[in-house]
Protein backbone atom coordinates (compact mmCIF):
# COMPACT_ATOMS: atom_id res chain seq x y z
CA MET A 1 -26.17 -6.56 6.99
CA ASP A 2 -29.40 -7.24 7.57
CA LYS A 3 -30.54 -7.56 3.75
CA PHE A 4 -28.87 -9.05 1.11
CA ILE A 5 -27.64 -6.79 -1.78
CA TYR A 6 -28.30 -6.75 -5.63
CA ALA A 7 -27.07 -5.18 -8.75
CA PRO A 8 -26.86 -5.29 -12.32
CA ALA A 9 -23.44 -6.73 -13.04
CA THR A 10 -23.58 -5.80 -16.66
CA PRO A 11 -24.56 -2.64 -18.61
CA LEU A 12 -28.30 -1.75 -18.87
CA LEU A 13 -27.92 -2.07 -22.35
CA ARG A 14 -29.51 -4.40 -25.33
CA SER A 15 -27.56 -7.35 -25.54
CA ALA A 16 -27.59 -11.17 -25.77
CA ILE A 17 -26.90 -11.69 -22.01
CA SER A 18 -27.61 -9.51 -18.68
CA ILE A 19 -26.14 -10.44 -15.26
CA VAL A 20 -28.22 -9.76 -12.14
CA ARG A 21 -25.72 -10.42 -8.96
CA LEU A 22 -26.93 -11.13 -5.38
CA SER A 23 -25.21 -11.48 -1.96
CA GLY A 24 -25.68 -11.83 1.32
CA ASP A 25 -27.48 -13.81 4.20
CA GLY A 26 -30.90 -14.59 2.82
CA VAL A 27 -29.99 -14.84 -1.04
CA PHE A 28 -30.75 -18.42 -1.26
CA ASP A 29 -34.23 -18.10 0.41
CA ALA A 30 -35.15 -15.10 -1.68
CA LEU A 31 -34.22 -17.19 -5.18
CA ARG A 32 -36.51 -20.32 -3.78
CA LYS A 33 -39.43 -17.67 -3.86
CA CYS A 34 -39.09 -16.75 -7.76
CA PHE A 35 -36.70 -19.38 -9.20
CA SER A 36 -38.47 -22.65 -10.82
CA PRO A 37 -37.84 -25.52 -10.16
CA SER A 38 -36.98 -25.24 -6.89
CA PHE A 39 -33.73 -26.31 -5.26
CA LYS A 40 -32.79 -27.81 -1.82
CA GLU A 41 -29.77 -26.77 0.28
CA VAL A 42 -26.87 -25.12 -1.38
CA THR A 43 -23.43 -26.78 -0.59
CA LYS A 44 -21.43 -25.92 -3.02
CA ARG A 45 -21.29 -24.00 -6.75
CA THR A 46 -24.38 -24.84 -8.66
CA ALA A 47 -25.43 -24.11 -12.16
CA LEU A 48 -29.31 -24.36 -12.80
CA VAL A 49 -31.74 -23.57 -15.70
CA GLY A 50 -35.42 -22.39 -15.23
CA THR A 51 -37.38 -19.69 -14.87
CA ILE A 52 -37.96 -16.48 -12.80
CA LYS A 53 -41.36 -15.58 -11.44
CA ASP A 54 -43.14 -12.71 -9.69
CA GLY A 55 -46.15 -15.03 -8.51
CA ASP A 56 -47.98 -16.37 -11.45
CA ARG A 57 -46.22 -13.85 -14.03
CA LEU A 58 -43.33 -14.95 -15.98
CA ILE A 59 -40.36 -12.38 -15.92
CA ASP A 60 -38.02 -14.45 -18.00
CA GLU A 61 -35.93 -17.88 -18.76
CA VAL A 62 -32.61 -17.87 -17.21
CA VAL A 63 -29.44 -19.58 -15.99
CA LEU A 64 -28.97 -19.38 -12.24
CA LEU A 65 -25.59 -19.84 -10.72
CA LEU A 66 -25.19 -20.20 -6.79
CA TYR A 67 -22.05 -19.98 -4.67
CA LYS A 68 -22.15 -21.10 -1.23
CA GLY A 69 -20.12 -18.77 1.14
CA PRO A 70 -17.05 -18.71 1.96
CA ASN A 71 -16.27 -20.12 -1.58
CA SER A 72 -17.51 -17.48 -3.20
CA TYR A 73 -15.98 -13.83 -4.69
CA ASP A 74 -17.20 -11.99 -1.60
CA GLY A 75 -17.03 -14.81 0.97
CA GLU A 76 -20.72 -14.82 1.09
CA ASP A 77 -23.85 -16.84 -0.27
CA MET A 78 -23.94 -15.50 -3.91
CA GLY A 79 -26.38 -15.75 -6.68
CA GLU A 80 -26.11 -14.61 -10.50
CA ILE A 81 -29.00 -14.44 -12.71
CA MET A 82 -28.21 -14.61 -16.46
CA CYS A 83 -31.24 -13.39 -17.98
CA HIS A 84 -31.66 -11.99 -21.50
CA GLY A 85 -30.23 -8.86 -22.33
CA SER A 86 -33.27 -6.46 -22.11
CA PRO A 87 -32.87 -3.50 -19.54
CA LEU A 88 -36.98 -4.09 -19.23
CA ILE A 89 -36.21 -7.63 -17.83
CA VAL A 90 -33.28 -6.62 -15.53
CA GLU A 91 -35.48 -3.75 -14.42
CA GLU A 92 -38.27 -6.55 -13.34
CA ILE A 93 -36.03 -8.82 -11.71
CA CYS A 94 -34.24 -6.09 -9.77
CA THR A 95 -37.70 -4.68 -8.45
CA LEU A 96 -38.58 -8.22 -7.86
CA LEU A 97 -35.42 -8.90 -5.34
CA GLU A 98 -36.34 -5.80 -3.81
CA THR A 99 -39.96 -7.03 -2.90
CA LEU A 100 -37.99 -10.18 -1.43
CA GLY A 101 -36.16 -8.27 1.12
CA GLY A 102 -33.31 -7.31 -0.72
CA ARG A 103 -31.79 -3.76 -1.48
CA LYS A 104 -29.84 -2.29 -4.40
CA ALA A 105 -25.63 -2.53 -3.44
CA ALA A 106 -23.96 0.64 -3.51
CA PRO A 107 -20.81 1.21 -6.08
CA GLY A 108 -17.98 -1.46 -5.41
CA GLU A 109 -20.05 -2.99 -2.41
CA PHE A 110 -19.51 -6.77 -3.73
CA SER A 111 -15.65 -6.13 -3.63
CA ALA A 112 -15.78 -4.17 -0.42
CA ARG A 113 -17.37 -7.40 1.16
CA ALA A 114 -14.96 -9.37 -0.46
CA TYR A 115 -12.21 -7.20 1.32
CA TYR A 116 -13.71 -7.17 4.98
CA ASN A 117 -14.35 -10.85 4.57
CA GLY A 118 -10.83 -11.47 4.00
CA LYS A 119 -11.03 -12.68 0.31
CA MET A 120 -8.58 -9.71 -0.84
CA ASP A 121 -6.24 -7.31 0.57
CA LEU A 122 -6.73 -3.37 -0.20
CA VAL A 123 -4.12 -3.76 -3.12
CA GLN A 124 -6.00 -6.50 -4.55
CA ALA A 125 -9.27 -4.76 -4.31
CA GLU A 126 -8.23 -1.89 -6.34
CA ALA A 127 -6.88 -4.07 -8.85
CA VAL A 128 -10.53 -5.19 -9.62
CA ASN A 129 -11.19 -1.56 -10.45
CA ASP A 130 -8.07 -1.15 -12.61
CA LEU A 131 -8.83 -4.23 -14.41
CA ILE A 132 -12.18 -3.19 -15.60
CA SER A 133 -10.71 0.16 -16.48
CA ALA A 134 -7.68 -1.05 -18.50
CA ASP A 135 -7.35 -0.11 -22.39
CA THR A 136 -4.25 -1.52 -23.12
CA GLU A 137 -2.41 -5.28 -22.80
CA GLY A 138 0.18 -3.73 -20.51
CA ALA A 139 -2.44 -1.88 -17.98
CA LYS A 140 -4.43 -5.51 -18.05
CA THR A 141 -1.27 -7.20 -17.32
CA LEU A 142 -0.39 -5.40 -14.41
CA ALA A 143 -3.95 -5.37 -12.88
CA LEU A 144 -4.26 -8.83 -13.18
CA SER A 145 -0.61 -9.41 -11.10
CA SER A 146 -2.13 -7.06 -8.30
CA LEU A 147 -5.37 -9.09 -8.50
CA GLN A 148 -3.37 -12.30 -7.96
CA GLY A 149 -1.40 -10.83 -5.02
CA LEU A 150 1.76 -10.59 -6.36
CA SER A 151 1.73 -6.92 -5.86
CA SER A 152 1.02 -7.49 -2.26
CA GLY A 153 3.28 -9.95 -1.90
CA ARG A 154 5.92 -7.84 -2.77
CA VAL A 155 5.17 -5.50 0.26
CA LYS A 156 4.10 -7.87 2.92
CA PRO A 157 7.82 -9.45 3.65
CA LEU A 158 8.95 -5.78 4.08
CA ARG A 159 6.13 -5.25 6.49
CA ASP A 160 7.24 -8.28 8.31
CA GLU A 161 10.93 -6.99 8.41
CA VAL A 162 9.74 -4.09 10.03
CA GLU A 163 7.87 -5.48 12.59
CA THR A 164 10.69 -7.78 13.56
CA MET A 165 12.58 -4.70 14.21
CA LEU A 166 10.13 -3.34 16.22
CA ALA A 167 10.28 -6.37 18.23
CA LEU A 168 13.93 -6.41 18.69
CA MET A 169 13.53 -2.61 19.90
CA GLU A 170 10.93 -4.10 22.79
CA VAL A 171 13.81 -6.43 23.62
CA GLY A 172 16.19 -3.12 24.53
CA PHE A 173 12.78 -1.71 26.32
CA ASP A 174 11.96 -4.62 28.46
CA TYR A 175 15.96 -5.01 29.50
CA PRO A 176 17.56 -1.61 29.80
CA GLU A 177 19.93 -2.80 32.20
CA TYR A 178 21.96 -4.79 29.23
CA ASP A 179 23.39 -1.38 27.08
CA ASP A 180 25.32 -3.85 24.88
CA ILE A 181 22.16 -5.68 23.68
CA ALA A 182 20.54 -1.93 23.22
CA THR A 183 23.38 -0.71 21.64
CA ALA A 184 23.75 -3.89 19.27
CA ASN A 185 20.20 -3.89 18.50
CA LEU A 186 20.38 -0.02 17.24
CA GLU A 187 23.23 -0.90 14.74
CA GLU A 188 21.45 -4.09 13.34
CA ILE A 189 18.13 -2.33 13.26
CA GLY A 190 19.78 0.98 11.26
CA ASN A 191 21.17 -1.61 9.01
CA LYS A 192 17.67 -3.74 8.56
CA ALA A 193 15.92 0.00 7.99
CA GLN A 194 18.41 0.97 5.56
CA LYS A 195 17.84 -2.12 3.57
CA VAL A 196 14.30 -1.97 3.77
CA ALA A 197 14.10 1.64 2.64
CA GLU A 198 16.15 0.71 -0.61
CA ALA A 199 13.53 -2.21 -1.51
CA LEU A 200 10.96 0.42 -1.16
CA GLY A 201 12.78 2.88 -2.94
CA SER A 202 12.87 0.13 -5.89
CA LEU A 203 9.21 -0.60 -5.26
CA ILE A 204 8.64 3.47 -5.80
CA LYS A 205 10.63 3.55 -9.13
CA GLU A 206 8.70 0.49 -10.43
CA GLY A 207 5.06 2.05 -9.35
CA ARG A 208 6.24 5.09 -11.14
CA GLU A 209 6.67 3.25 -14.16
CA GLY A 210 3.60 1.03 -13.86
CA ARG A 211 1.34 4.20 -13.26
CA LEU A 212 2.43 5.36 -16.93
CA VAL A 213 1.97 1.72 -18.26
CA LYS A 214 -1.90 1.60 -16.39
CA ASP A 215 -2.68 5.42 -16.68
CA GLY A 216 -1.03 6.19 -19.96
CA VAL A 217 1.18 9.18 -20.61
CA LYS A 218 0.10 12.75 -20.82
CA VAL A 219 1.71 14.54 -23.99
CA ALA A 220 1.11 18.33 -24.25
CA LEU A 221 2.04 20.08 -27.90
CA ILE A 222 3.20 23.61 -26.92
CA GLY A 223 4.53 26.35 -29.22
CA LYS A 224 3.86 29.42 -30.83
CA PRO A 225 0.66 30.15 -33.11
CA ASN A 226 0.76 28.69 -36.47
CA VAL A 227 3.72 26.20 -35.83
CA GLY A 228 1.17 23.39 -36.76
CA LYS A 229 0.53 21.97 -33.45
CA SER A 230 -3.09 21.27 -34.20
CA SER A 231 -2.06 19.59 -37.80
CA LEU A 232 0.20 17.51 -35.87
CA LEU A 233 -2.33 16.48 -33.55
CA ASN A 234 -4.41 15.23 -36.37
CA ALA A 235 -1.53 13.66 -37.87
CA LEU A 236 -0.67 11.59 -34.69
CA LEU A 237 -4.13 10.68 -33.90
CA HIS A 238 -5.33 9.95 -37.49
CA LYS A 239 -8.41 12.23 -37.42
CA ASP A 240 -9.58 15.57 -37.64
CA LYS A 241 -9.77 16.35 -33.77
CA ALA A 242 -8.46 20.07 -34.23
CA ILE A 243 -9.42 22.68 -36.26
CA VAL A 244 -6.71 23.99 -38.54
CA SER A 245 -6.18 27.33 -39.74
CA ASP A 246 -3.26 29.91 -40.73
CA ILE A 247 -5.38 32.55 -38.45
CA PRO A 248 -3.27 33.02 -35.32
CA GLY A 249 -5.05 31.79 -32.02
CA THR A 250 -7.44 29.35 -33.97
CA THR A 251 -6.90 27.22 -30.59
CA ARG A 252 -8.84 28.83 -27.89
CA ASP A 253 -9.15 25.67 -25.62
CA VAL A 254 -6.98 22.74 -24.91
CA VAL A 255 -8.12 19.79 -27.61
CA GLU A 256 -7.20 16.17 -26.56
CA GLY A 257 -7.22 12.76 -28.20
CA ASP A 258 -5.89 9.47 -27.36
CA LEU A 259 -3.48 6.97 -29.03
CA ASN A 260 -2.35 3.50 -28.46
CA TYR A 261 1.01 3.17 -29.45
CA LYS A 262 3.51 0.22 -28.65
CA GLY A 263 1.14 -0.92 -25.95
CA LEU A 264 0.97 2.33 -24.02
CA SER A 265 -1.76 4.78 -23.88
CA TYR A 266 -0.93 8.57 -25.08
CA HIS A 267 -3.21 11.50 -23.96
CA PHE A 268 -2.23 14.08 -26.30
CA LEU A 269 -3.20 17.75 -25.39
CA ASP A 270 -3.25 20.45 -28.12
CA THR A 271 -2.67 23.69 -26.57
CA ALA A 272 -3.49 27.26 -27.55
CA GLY A 273 -0.14 29.28 -29.01
CA LEU A 274 2.16 30.65 -26.72
CA ARG A 275 1.99 34.53 -27.20
CA GLU A 276 0.54 37.47 -25.57
CA GLY A 277 -3.16 36.94 -26.17
CA GLU A 278 -5.04 39.44 -28.00
CA GLY A 279 -8.30 39.08 -26.34
CA ALA A 280 -9.97 37.87 -23.13
CA ILE A 281 -10.87 34.39 -24.86
CA GLU A 282 -7.45 33.79 -26.28
CA LYS A 283 -5.68 34.93 -23.04
CA ILE A 284 -8.28 32.51 -20.82
CA GLY A 285 -7.57 29.61 -23.35
CA ILE A 286 -3.68 30.05 -22.80
CA GLU A 287 -4.05 30.17 -19.09
CA LYS A 288 -6.30 26.70 -19.44
CA SER A 289 -3.21 25.40 -21.78
CA LEU A 290 -0.71 26.49 -19.23
CA GLU A 291 -2.38 24.43 -16.55
CA ALA A 292 -2.94 21.20 -18.94
CA ALA A 293 0.89 21.47 -19.69
CA GLU A 294 1.87 21.61 -16.07
CA GLU A 295 -0.21 18.16 -15.80
CA ALA A 296 1.63 16.30 -18.58
CA ASP A 297 4.37 13.79 -18.13
CA ILE A 298 6.02 15.04 -21.43
CA LEU A 299 6.08 18.40 -23.41
CA VAL A 300 6.54 18.46 -26.90
CA LEU A 301 7.34 21.93 -27.99
CA VAL A 302 6.80 22.27 -31.64
CA LEU A 303 9.14 24.58 -33.96
CA ASP A 304 8.64 26.03 -37.51
CA SER A 305 11.22 24.57 -39.67
CA LEU A 306 11.07 27.63 -41.54
CA ASN A 307 11.69 30.43 -39.41
CA GLU A 308 12.60 28.61 -35.71
CA GLU A 309 11.10 31.51 -34.07
CA ARG A 310 10.96 30.02 -30.38
CA PRO A 311 8.32 30.95 -27.84
CA GLU A 312 9.05 32.14 -24.09
CA ILE A 313 8.50 29.16 -21.90
CA ASP A 314 6.51 29.89 -18.88
CA GLU A 315 8.44 29.34 -15.50
CA SER A 316 5.77 26.74 -14.37
CA LEU A 317 7.17 24.41 -17.41
CA ARG A 318 10.92 24.89 -16.79
CA GLY A 319 12.34 21.45 -15.77
CA LYS A 320 9.72 19.22 -17.33
CA GLU A 321 10.66 16.72 -19.72
CA MET A 322 10.64 18.38 -23.12
CA ILE A 323 11.15 17.09 -26.78
CA GLU A 324 11.83 19.86 -29.41
CA VAL A 325 10.25 19.06 -32.93
CA TYR A 326 10.76 20.96 -36.16
CA ASN A 327 7.49 20.51 -37.96
CA LYS A 328 7.08 21.42 -41.67
CA ALA A 329 9.67 19.20 -42.79
CA ASP A 330 8.18 18.79 -46.20
CA LEU A 331 8.97 22.54 -47.24
CA LEU A 332 12.74 21.87 -46.28
CA LYS A 333 15.37 21.64 -48.88
CA GLU A 334 17.93 20.03 -46.26
CA GLU A 335 17.74 19.13 -42.76
CA LYS A 336 20.13 20.13 -39.83
CA GLU A 337 22.01 17.37 -37.96
CA GLY A 338 20.85 16.82 -34.59
CA ARG A 339 17.01 17.99 -34.97
CA LEU A 340 13.96 16.22 -34.67
CA TYR A 341 11.77 16.79 -37.66
CA VAL A 342 8.08 15.44 -38.60
CA SER A 343 5.78 16.65 -41.45
CA ALA A 344 2.11 17.10 -40.06
CA LEU A 345 1.00 17.06 -43.68
CA LYS A 346 2.94 14.32 -44.98
CA GLN A 347 1.70 12.42 -41.88
CA ASP A 348 5.26 11.68 -41.00
CA VAL A 349 5.38 11.32 -36.94
CA GLU A 350 6.88 8.12 -36.10
CA PRO A 351 10.06 9.97 -35.45
CA LEU A 352 8.53 12.13 -32.61
CA LEU A 353 6.66 8.80 -31.17
CA LYS A 354 9.84 6.76 -31.19
CA GLU A 355 11.40 9.89 -29.25
CA ILE A 356 8.65 10.11 -26.71
CA SER A 357 8.93 6.21 -26.12
CA LYS A 358 12.76 6.39 -25.74
CA ARG A 359 12.26 9.45 -23.31
CA LEU A 360 10.06 7.51 -21.10
CA GLY A 361 12.41 4.90 -20.71
CA LEU A 362 10.22 1.86 -20.26
CA GLY A 363 11.56 -1.40 -20.77
CA GLU A 364 9.81 -4.42 -21.24
CA LYS A 365 9.94 -5.08 -17.41
CA ALA A 366 7.74 -2.42 -16.93
CA PHE A 367 5.07 -3.96 -18.65
CA ARG A 368 5.15 -7.04 -16.66
CA THR A 369 6.60 -6.39 -13.21
CA PRO A 370 3.59 -6.52 -10.61
CA SER A 371 3.84 -2.82 -9.22
CA LEU A 372 2.06 -0.48 -6.73
CA ASN A 373 1.16 2.42 -8.83
CA ASN A 374 -1.76 4.30 -7.84
CA ALA A 375 -1.44 7.69 -6.06
CA ARG A 376 -2.40 6.27 -2.65
CA GLN A 377 -0.17 3.37 -2.92
CA LEU A 378 2.95 5.59 -3.89
CA SER A 379 2.16 7.94 -1.45
CA LEU A 380 2.60 5.23 1.41
CA LEU A 381 5.42 3.77 0.17
CA SER A 382 7.31 7.16 -0.02
CA LYS A 383 5.96 7.99 3.79
CA ALA A 384 7.24 4.33 4.85
CA ARG A 385 10.24 4.93 3.07
CA GLY A 386 11.16 8.05 4.54
CA ALA A 387 10.58 6.82 8.12
CA LEU A 388 12.66 4.40 7.48
CA LEU A 389 15.51 6.43 6.17
CA GLU A 390 15.20 8.45 9.27
CA ALA A 391 15.23 5.95 11.56
CA SER A 392 18.19 4.07 10.15
CA SER A 393 20.04 7.40 10.35
CA LEU A 394 19.40 8.05 13.80
CA ALA A 395 20.32 4.34 14.67
CA LEU A 396 23.51 4.34 13.14
CA GLY A 397 24.10 7.86 14.23
CA GLY A 398 23.57 7.58 18.09
CA GLY A 399 19.84 8.60 18.17
CA THR A 400 17.65 7.30 21.35
CA ALA A 401 16.07 4.28 20.98
CA ASP A 402 12.59 5.77 21.61
CA ILE A 403 12.58 8.19 18.38
CA VAL A 404 13.89 5.31 16.51
CA SER A 405 11.09 2.86 17.64
CA SER A 406 8.60 5.67 16.76
CA LEU A 407 9.75 6.21 13.24
CA LEU A 408 9.79 2.24 12.75
CA LEU A 409 6.37 2.30 14.06
CA GLU A 410 5.67 4.79 11.39
CA GLY A 411 6.82 3.20 8.74
CA TYR A 412 5.16 0.00 9.82
CA ASN A 413 1.75 1.44 9.92
CA ASN A 414 2.12 2.90 6.43
CA LEU A 415 2.71 -0.42 4.91
CA ARG A 416 -0.03 -1.99 7.07
CA GLU A 417 -2.56 0.92 5.51
CA LEU A 418 -1.02 0.25 2.15
CA LEU A 419 -2.36 -3.08 2.43
CA GLY A 420 -5.81 -2.20 4.41
CA GLU A 421 -4.75 -3.36 7.66
CA GLY A 422 -6.41 -1.24 10.26
CA VAL A 423 -7.63 1.45 8.07
CA THR A 424 -10.36 3.49 8.72
CA SER A 425 -14.15 2.59 6.78
CA ASP A 426 -14.06 6.51 5.71
CA LEU A 427 -10.96 5.45 3.45
CA THR A 428 -12.42 2.19 2.30
CA ASP A 429 -15.67 3.66 1.11
CA GLU A 430 -13.89 6.72 -0.73
CA ILE A 431 -11.85 3.56 -2.33
CA PHE A 432 -14.89 1.53 -3.33
CA SER A 433 -17.12 4.42 -4.13
CA ARG A 434 -15.04 4.50 -7.31
CA PHE A 435 -16.04 0.97 -8.79
CA CYS A 436 -19.18 0.38 -10.82
CA VAL A 437 -22.18 -0.82 -9.23
CA GLY A 438 -22.20 -4.92 -9.57
CA LYS A 439 -18.72 -5.22 -8.78
């Protein structure tokens, strides 16, 4: 880290205030050369009011915040210049900092330094990006919990438990002449590994629920042409998002829209009508619709209340959670018991939203329980659980100590990787590259 880094911490748009963030060795020396009035040694967090100048040329009147490492966001000496919100001013300040020995920060580099300097573990670092991306109260709550270390705190005792098991195994290896000790240790380890695996199973379940809270729910509307899928999408979103026509095959591509309902973000997909496409373009649309439906968390099969004609469901969609809903209820004289009816024309779609919410089965607990919910975290939890389950089975079933030990070590390393302990720089670089510049 031969140069300090800098970057705008706010979007380059006209606003009341913009912030330029700096970090690293030489930050305070560089600021002394361009900020007035001058300041002496920084020993604690300090706020100053003054001007930024490039030589004799005034750039702006600013507020300057100084943070002395390690008591800063990333553990290093840091500064934040709060200037007027002109993109021109921000650009001039950044250019000046470049001439004073700095370089522009890479995406997520401030958070990366915080991780490398031990200010946060990898789960907390990922929560920073989740918090920035949160668009519902539930997503924000989960991200804040992880940022505060509550999610990591649920993994660390389990990691320590596996570490203890590995130590017990070492006793058997160090004193092979005591067979009774080795046998007793294997039985104890088998029981302990089973309990840790059960705890990991609970974390996985809660993590999958947390993923829905954080990332939202994908809902694909499928059905034959002219059953009112596009009208239903428009009614759900309260806007004319999709083209509505009585001509079959009007929807040639997947039309998407978002809705927040009871604290959860829903991403609706209106797909092309399921039928034998009559043209090359329509066939492409149907193929793309099937691909989108395969990725959905829930399928809504839209049926016409008047003719009740059902489409043939593609093999790739069978087994997915599916809700059958009968549209055009406003044209019916009498509704049949046990069916879910809506009327896109009358904007009567609340019954469908309630049914989707019911099928998800997310209780209030899912919105406030700290969870490990991204793909990387869930994958490592699953791998660790699998290794520990196998270790338990072998330990209790007469397996050899060396294989049990190797499985315990595999699970232990999975949990360490989850927390960012001993991981490669390639992995962390990939994670932090998803962050915005300035964070």
